[in-house]
Amino acid sequence: MISIGQKFPSFEKTIVVSLEKGKEFETLSSETLTSDDSTWTVFFWWPKDFTFVCPTEIAEFNKAYGEFRDRDTRLVGASTDSEFVHLAWRNNHDDLRGLKFPMLADTSKSLAEDLGILEPKEKIAYRATFIIDPQGIVRWVSVNDLNVGRNVKEVLRVLDGLQTDELCPCNWEKGQETLTV
């Protein structure tokens, strides 16, 4: 599995960005992640569309979208489902219609494979979260088993700590003192 300090893999994938006919799809590439010197990226994966735990996570990330934006951080959600399945799910699920971030389609599973997050039997992505700095370097990785949802508040807490570029003690939260050496 790709780890901290490594460059996020190169990719070019279709993303779902809208429900408006004719404007549903765009292309996202790894170059976009490093095109702005100050923007961080949180890239999170779920196993399958039209399931039960996944929409709770996606909806929670969407609720926190403004908090990520306030931290100069883009959100990208992804699975190995196609862009058409993503679009159908968004149209079909009340909590997903108003998403403010793109849903990436990794139908070839090449990006999930490069990241090392493919579950070996079903070849679906684990619940993986990557925080990527503006230079495209992975700064945090968290991976959950298929049946356990992640904690969006923890992702924000870690992002805050990384963005201080200082030493942050256990249970540190934004606004608290960092450590001095």
C-alpha atoms as a PDB file:
ATOM      1  CA  MET A   1       0.000   0.000   0.000  1.00  0.00           C
ATOM      2  CA  ILE A   2       1.206   3.498  -0.804  1.00  0.00           C
ATOM      3  CA  SER A   3       2.292   5.257   2.355  1.00  0.00           C
ATOM      4  CA  ILE A   4       3.290   8.538   3.925  1.00  0.00           C
ATOM      5  CA  GLY A   5       5.984  10.464   2.081  1.00  0.00           C
ATOM      6  CA  GLN A   6       5.252   8.866  -1.280  1.00  0.00           C
ATOM      7  CA  LYS A   7       3.948  10.702  -4.318  1.00  0.00           C
ATOM      8  CA  PHE A   8       0.265  10.086  -5.045  1.00  0.00           C
ATOM      9  CA  PRO A   9       0.084   7.986  -8.253  1.00  0.00           C
ATOM     10  CA  SER A  10      -0.492   9.544 -11.655  1.00  0.00           C
ATOM     11  CA  PHE A  11      -4.015   9.115 -12.994  1.00  0.00           C
ATOM     12  CA  GLU A  12      -6.643  10.506 -15.337  1.00  0.00           C
ATOM     13  CA  LYS A  13     -10.227   9.470 -14.555  1.00  0.00           C
ATOM     14  CA  THR A  14     -13.816  10.458 -15.224  1.00  0.00           C
ATOM     15  CA  ILE A  15     -15.616  12.196 -12.372  1.00  0.00           C
ATOM     16  CA  VAL A  16     -19.292  12.922 -11.758  1.00  0.00           C
ATOM     17  CA  VAL A  17     -19.697  16.622 -10.937  1.00  0.00           C
ATOM     18  CA  SER A  18     -23.348  17.449 -11.654  1.00  0.00           C
ATOM     19  CA  LEU A  19     -26.834  16.057 -12.108  1.00  0.00           C
ATOM     20  CA  GLU A  20     -27.533  18.554 -14.897  1.00  0.00           C
ATOM     21  CA  LYS A  21     -27.984  16.825 -18.260  1.00  0.00           C
ATOM     22  CA  GLY A  22     -24.959  17.363 -20.470  1.00  0.00           C
ATOM     23  CA  LYS A  23     -22.795  18.587 -17.565  1.00  0.00           C
ATOM     24  CA  GLU A  24     -22.580  15.394 -15.521  1.00  0.00           C
ATOM     25  CA  PHE A  25     -19.002  14.362 -16.283  1.00  0.00           C
ATOM     26  CA  GLU A  26     -15.532  15.872 -16.335  1.00  0.00           C
ATOM     27  CA  THR A  27     -11.999  14.513 -16.252  1.00  0.00           C
ATOM     28  CA  LEU A  28      -9.735  14.736 -13.215  1.00  0.00           C
ATOM     29  CA  SER A  29      -6.007  14.028 -13.323  1.00  0.00           C
ATOM     30  CA  SER A  30      -3.220  13.830 -10.785  1.00  0.00           C
ATOM     31  CA  GLU A  31      -1.833  17.026 -12.323  1.00  0.00           C
ATOM     32  CA  THR A  32      -4.912  18.848 -10.995  1.00  0.00           C
ATOM     33  CA  LEU A  33      -3.888  17.860  -7.460  1.00  0.00           C
ATOM     34  CA  THR A  34      -0.620  19.784  -7.784  1.00  0.00           C
ATOM     35  CA  SER A  35      -1.749  22.642 -10.035  1.00  0.00           C
ATOM     36  CA  ASP A  36      -2.179  25.023  -7.086  1.00  0.00           C
ATOM     37  CA  ASP A  37       0.703  25.537  -4.660  1.00  0.00           C
ATOM     38  CA  SER A  38      -1.597  25.947  -1.666  1.00  0.00           C
ATOM     39  CA  THR A  39      -4.410  23.420  -2.115  1.00  0.00           C
ATOM     40  CA  TRP A  40      -4.445  20.168  -0.172  1.00  0.00           C
ATOM     41  CA  THR A  41      -6.543  17.148  -1.207  1.00  0.00           C
ATOM     42  CA  VAL A  42      -8.511  14.605   0.791  1.00  0.00           C
ATOM     43  CA  PHE A  43      -9.106  11.579  -1.414  1.00  0.00           C
ATOM     44  CA  PHE A  44     -11.483   9.031   0.109  1.00  0.00           C
ATOM     45  CA  TRP A  45     -12.601   5.658  -1.230  1.00  0.00           C
ATOM     46  CA  TRP A  46     -15.648   3.508  -0.540  1.00  0.00           C
ATOM     47  CA  PRO A  47     -16.244  -0.116  -1.617  1.00  0.00           C
ATOM     48  CA  LYS A  48     -19.462   0.007  -3.674  1.00  0.00           C
ATOM     49  CA  ASP A  49     -22.235   2.328  -4.726  1.00  0.00           C
ATOM     50  CA  PHE A  50     -25.810   1.435  -3.735  1.00  0.00           C
ATOM     51  CA  THR A  51     -24.737   0.022  -0.375  1.00  0.00           C
ATOM     52  CA  PHE A  52     -25.470   0.964   3.234  1.00  0.00           C
ATOM     53  CA  VAL A  53     -22.400   2.324   5.078  1.00  0.00           C
ATOM     54  CA  CYS A  54     -20.985   4.187   2.075  1.00  0.00           C
ATOM     55  CA  PRO A  55     -23.704   6.860   1.726  1.00  0.00           C
ATOM     56  CA  THR A  56     -23.424   7.712   5.429  1.00  0.00           C
ATOM     57  CA  GLU A  57     -19.745   8.526   4.918  1.00  0.00           C
ATOM     58  CA  ILE A  58     -20.266  10.408   1.662  1.00  0.00           C
ATOM     59  CA  ALA A  59     -23.082  12.479   3.199  1.00  0.00           C
ATOM     60  CA  GLU A  60     -20.907  13.284   6.232  1.00  0.00           C
ATOM     61  CA  PHE A  61     -18.032  14.457   4.033  1.00  0.00           C
ATOM     62  CA  ASN A  62     -20.541  16.586   2.124  1.00  0.00           C
ATOM     63  CA  LYS A  63     -21.828  18.152   5.374  1.00  0.00           C
ATOM     64  CA  ALA A  64     -18.216  19.048   6.227  1.00  0.00           C
ATOM     65  CA  TYR A  65     -17.434  20.347   2.728  1.00  0.00           C
ATOM     66  CA  GLY A  66     -17.256  23.967   3.900  1.00  0.00           C
ATOM     67  CA  GLU A  67     -14.809  23.025   6.648  1.00  0.00           C
ATOM     68  CA  PHE A  68     -12.504  21.402   4.079  1.00  0.00           C
ATOM     69  CA  ARG A  69     -12.841  24.367   1.725  1.00  0.00           C
ATOM     70  CA  ASP A  70     -11.989  26.726   4.621  1.00  0.00           C
ATOM     71  CA  ARG A  71      -8.751  24.744   4.976  1.00  0.00           C
ATOM     72  CA  ASP A  72      -7.875  25.153   1.259  1.00  0.00           C
ATOM     73  CA  THR A  73      -8.599  21.461   0.738  1.00  0.00           C
ATOM     74  CA  ARG A  74     -10.401  19.781  -2.135  1.00  0.00           C
ATOM     75  CA  LEU A  75     -12.446  16.641  -1.544  1.00  0.00           C
ATOM     76  CA  VAL A  76     -12.531  13.776  -4.012  1.00  0.00           C
ATOM     77  CA  GLY A  77     -14.627  10.662  -3.401  1.00  0.00           C
ATOM     78  CA  ALA A  78     -13.947   7.472  -5.335  1.00  0.00           C
ATOM     79  CA  SER A  79     -14.867   3.855  -5.893  1.00  0.00           C
ATOM     80  CA  THR A  80     -14.328   1.260  -8.594  1.00  0.00           C
ATOM     81  CA  ASP A  81     -17.878   1.762  -9.879  1.00  0.00           C
ATOM     82  CA  SER A  82     -18.436   3.513 -13.215  1.00  0.00           C
ATOM     83  CA  GLU A  83     -19.389   7.148 -13.663  1.00  0.00           C
ATOM     84  CA  PHE A  84     -22.833   5.968 -14.820  1.00  0.00           C
ATOM     85  CA  VAL A  85     -23.388   4.011 -11.614  1.00  0.00           C
ATOM     86  CA  HIS A  86     -22.214   7.053  -9.596  1.00  0.00           C
ATOM     87  CA  LEU A  87     -24.672   9.268 -11.480  1.00  0.00           C
ATOM     88  CA  ALA A  88     -27.549   6.823 -11.021  1.00  0.00           C
ATOM     89  CA  TRP A  89     -26.780   6.547  -7.291  1.00  0.00           C
ATOM     90  CA  ARG A  90     -26.673  10.321  -6.894  1.00  0.00           C
ATOM     91  CA  ASN A  91     -30.001  10.630  -8.703  1.00  0.00           C
ATOM     92  CA  ASN A  92     -31.486   7.820  -6.630  1.00  0.00           C
ATOM     93  CA  HIS A  93     -30.291   8.728  -3.091  1.00  0.00           C
ATOM     94  CA  ASP A  94     -31.592  11.809  -1.257  1.00  0.00           C
ATOM     95  CA  ASP A  95     -28.323  12.340   0.661  1.00  0.00           C
ATOM     96  CA  LEU A  96     -26.210  12.279  -2.522  1.00  0.00           C
ATOM     97  CA  ARG A  97     -28.109  14.577  -4.882  1.00  0.00           C
ATOM     98  CA  GLY A  98     -26.516  17.770  -3.575  1.00  0.00           C
ATOM     99  CA  LEU A  99     -22.886  16.633  -3.431  1.00  0.00           C
ATOM    100  CA  LYS A 100     -20.390  19.486  -3.594  1.00  0.00           C
ATOM    101  CA  PHE A 101     -17.401  17.323  -4.508  1.00  0.00           C
ATOM    102  CA  PRO A 102     -16.741  14.941  -7.408  1.00  0.00           C
ATOM    103  CA  MET A 103     -17.202  11.180  -7.420  1.00  0.00           C
ATOM    104  CA  LEU A 104     -14.307   9.543  -9.272  1.00  0.00           C
ATOM    105  CA  ALA A 105     -14.886   6.399 -11.339  1.00  0.00           C
ATOM    106  CA  ASP A 106     -11.961   3.964 -11.267  1.00  0.00           C
ATOM    107  CA  THR A 107     -13.562   1.325 -13.480  1.00  0.00           C
ATOM    108  CA  SER A 108     -10.206  -0.087 -14.564  1.00  0.00           C
ATOM    109  CA  LYS A 109      -9.269  -0.347 -10.864  1.00  0.00           C
ATOM    110  CA  SER A 110      -5.827   0.897 -11.861  1.00  0.00           C
ATOM    111  CA  LEU A 111      -5.680   3.747  -9.345  1.00  0.00           C
ATOM    112  CA  ALA A 112      -6.981   1.595  -6.483  1.00  0.00           C
ATOM    113  CA  GLU A 113      -4.413  -1.024  -7.476  1.00  0.00           C
ATOM    114  CA  ASP A 114      -1.585   1.566  -7.598  1.00  0.00           C
ATOM    115  CA  LEU A 115      -2.643   2.723  -4.130  1.00  0.00           C
ATOM    116  CA  GLY A 116      -2.678  -0.873  -2.854  1.00  0.00           C
ATOM    117  CA  ILE A 117      -6.239  -0.650  -1.541  1.00  0.00           C
ATOM    118  CA  LEU A 118      -8.024  -3.360  -3.557  1.00  0.00           C
ATOM    119  CA  GLU A 119      -9.682  -6.043  -1.480  1.00  0.00           C
ATOM    120  CA  PRO A 120      -8.233  -9.297  -2.899  1.00  0.00           C
ATOM    121  CA  LYS A 121     -11.404 -11.382  -3.416  1.00  0.00           C
ATOM    122  CA  GLU A 122     -14.011  -8.926  -4.735  1.00  0.00           C
ATOM    123  CA  LYS A 123     -11.483  -6.442  -6.169  1.00  0.00           C
ATOM    124  CA  ILE A 124     -13.280  -3.474  -4.613  1.00  0.00           C
ATOM    125  CA  ALA A 125     -11.595  -0.647  -2.747  1.00  0.00           C
ATOM    126  CA  TYR A 126     -11.202  -0.646   1.011  1.00  0.00           C
ATOM    127  CA  ARG A 127     -12.449   2.436   2.896  1.00  0.00           C
ATOM    128  CA  ALA A 128      -9.214   4.334   2.424  1.00  0.00           C
ATOM    129  CA  THR A 129      -8.549   8.008   3.093  1.00  0.00           C
ATOM    130  CA  PHE A 130      -5.489   9.899   1.869  1.00  0.00           C
ATOM    131  CA  ILE A 131      -4.461  13.431   2.803  1.00  0.00           C
ATOM    132  CA  ILE A 132      -2.253  14.794   0.028  1.00  0.00           C
ATOM    133  CA  ASP A 133      -0.242  18.007   0.353  1.00  0.00           C
ATOM    134  CA  PRO A 134      -0.070  20.648  -2.405  1.00  0.00           C
ATOM    135  CA  GLN A 135       3.045  18.977  -3.874  1.00  0.00           C
ATOM    136  CA  GLY A 136       1.174  15.672  -4.348  1.00  0.00           C
ATOM    137  CA  ILE A 137       2.849  13.899  -1.418  1.00  0.00           C
ATOM    138  CA  VAL A 138       0.779  11.569   0.766  1.00  0.00           C
ATOM    139  CA  ARG A 139       0.883  12.917   4.324  1.00  0.00           C
ATOM    140  CA  TRP A 140      -1.716  10.653   5.997  1.00  0.00           C
ATOM    141  CA  VAL A 141      -3.352   7.320   5.192  1.00  0.00           C
ATOM    142  CA  SER A 142      -6.173   5.591   7.015  1.00  0.00           C
ATOM    143  CA  VAL A 143      -7.793   2.361   5.872  1.00  0.00           C
ATOM    144  CA  ASN A 144     -10.846   0.697   7.373  1.00  0.00           C
ATOM    145  CA  ASP A 145     -12.231  -2.753   6.789  1.00  0.00           C
ATOM    146  CA  LEU A 146     -15.229  -2.926   4.469  1.00  0.00           C
ATOM    147  CA  ASN A 147     -17.858  -2.914   7.219  1.00  0.00           C
ATOM    148  CA  VAL A 148     -16.631   0.033   9.347  1.00  0.00           C
ATOM    149  CA  GLY A 149     -17.219   3.655   8.380  1.00  0.00           C
ATOM    150  CA  ARG A 150     -14.586   6.317   8.959  1.00  0.00           C
ATOM    151  CA  ASN A 151     -14.685   9.423  11.169  1.00  0.00           C
ATOM    152  CA  VAL A 152     -14.770  12.668   9.151  1.00  0.00           C
ATOM    153  CA  LYS A 153     -13.981  14.751  12.253  1.00  0.00           C
ATOM    154  CA  GLU A 154     -10.746  12.790  12.671  1.00  0.00           C
ATOM    155  CA  VAL A 155      -9.811  13.480   9.047  1.00  0.00           C
ATOM    156  CA  LEU A 156     -10.316  17.211   9.724  1.00  0.00           C
ATOM    157  CA  ARG A 157      -8.315  17.003  12.973  1.00  0.00           C
ATOM    158  CA  VAL A 158      -5.357  15.347  11.238  1.00  0.00           C
ATOM    159  CA  LEU A 159      -5.552  17.805   8.335  1.00  0.00           C
ATOM    160  CA  ASP A 160      -5.439  20.691  10.825  1.00  0.00           C
ATOM    161  CA  GLY A 161      -2.389  19.182  12.479  1.00  0.00           C
ATOM    162  CA  LEU A 162      -0.569  18.631   9.205  1.00  0.00           C
ATOM    163  CA  GLN A 163      -1.293  22.158   8.073  1.00  0.00           C
ATOM    164  CA  THR A 164       0.326  23.626  11.206  1.00  0.00           C
ATOM    165  CA  ASP A 165       3.629  22.042  10.153  1.00  0.00           C
ATOM    166  CA  GLU A 166       4.368  21.823  13.889  1.00  0.00           C
ATOM    167  CA  LEU A 167       4.459  19.063  16.500  1.00  0.00           C
ATOM    168  CA  CYS A 168       0.913  18.231  17.639  1.00  0.00           C
ATOM    169  CA  PRO A 169       0.434  16.140  20.801  1.00  0.00           C
ATOM    170  CA  CYS A 170      -2.029  13.298  21.290  1.00  0.00           C
ATOM    171  CA  ASN A 171      -5.673  14.390  20.959  1.00  0.00           C
ATOM    172  CA  TRP A 172      -4.566  17.821  19.734  1.00  0.00           C
ATOM    173  CA  GLU A 173      -7.281  19.932  18.137  1.00  0.00           C
ATOM    174  CA  LYS A 174      -7.152  23.138  16.117  1.00  0.00           C
ATOM    175  CA  GLY A 175      -6.639  26.145  18.376  1.00  0.00           C
ATOM    176  CA  GLN A 176      -4.706  24.232  21.018  1.00  0.00           C
ATOM    177  CA  GLU A 177      -1.015  24.721  21.737  1.00  0.00           C
ATOM    178  CA  THR A 178       1.467  22.763  19.671  1.00  0.00           C
ATOM    179  CA  LEU A 179       4.690  21.395  21.148  1.00  0.00           C
ATOM    180  CA  THR A 180       7.929  23.332  21.159  1.00  0.00           C
ATOM    181  CA  VAL A 181      11.299  21.665  21.289  1.00  0.00           C
END
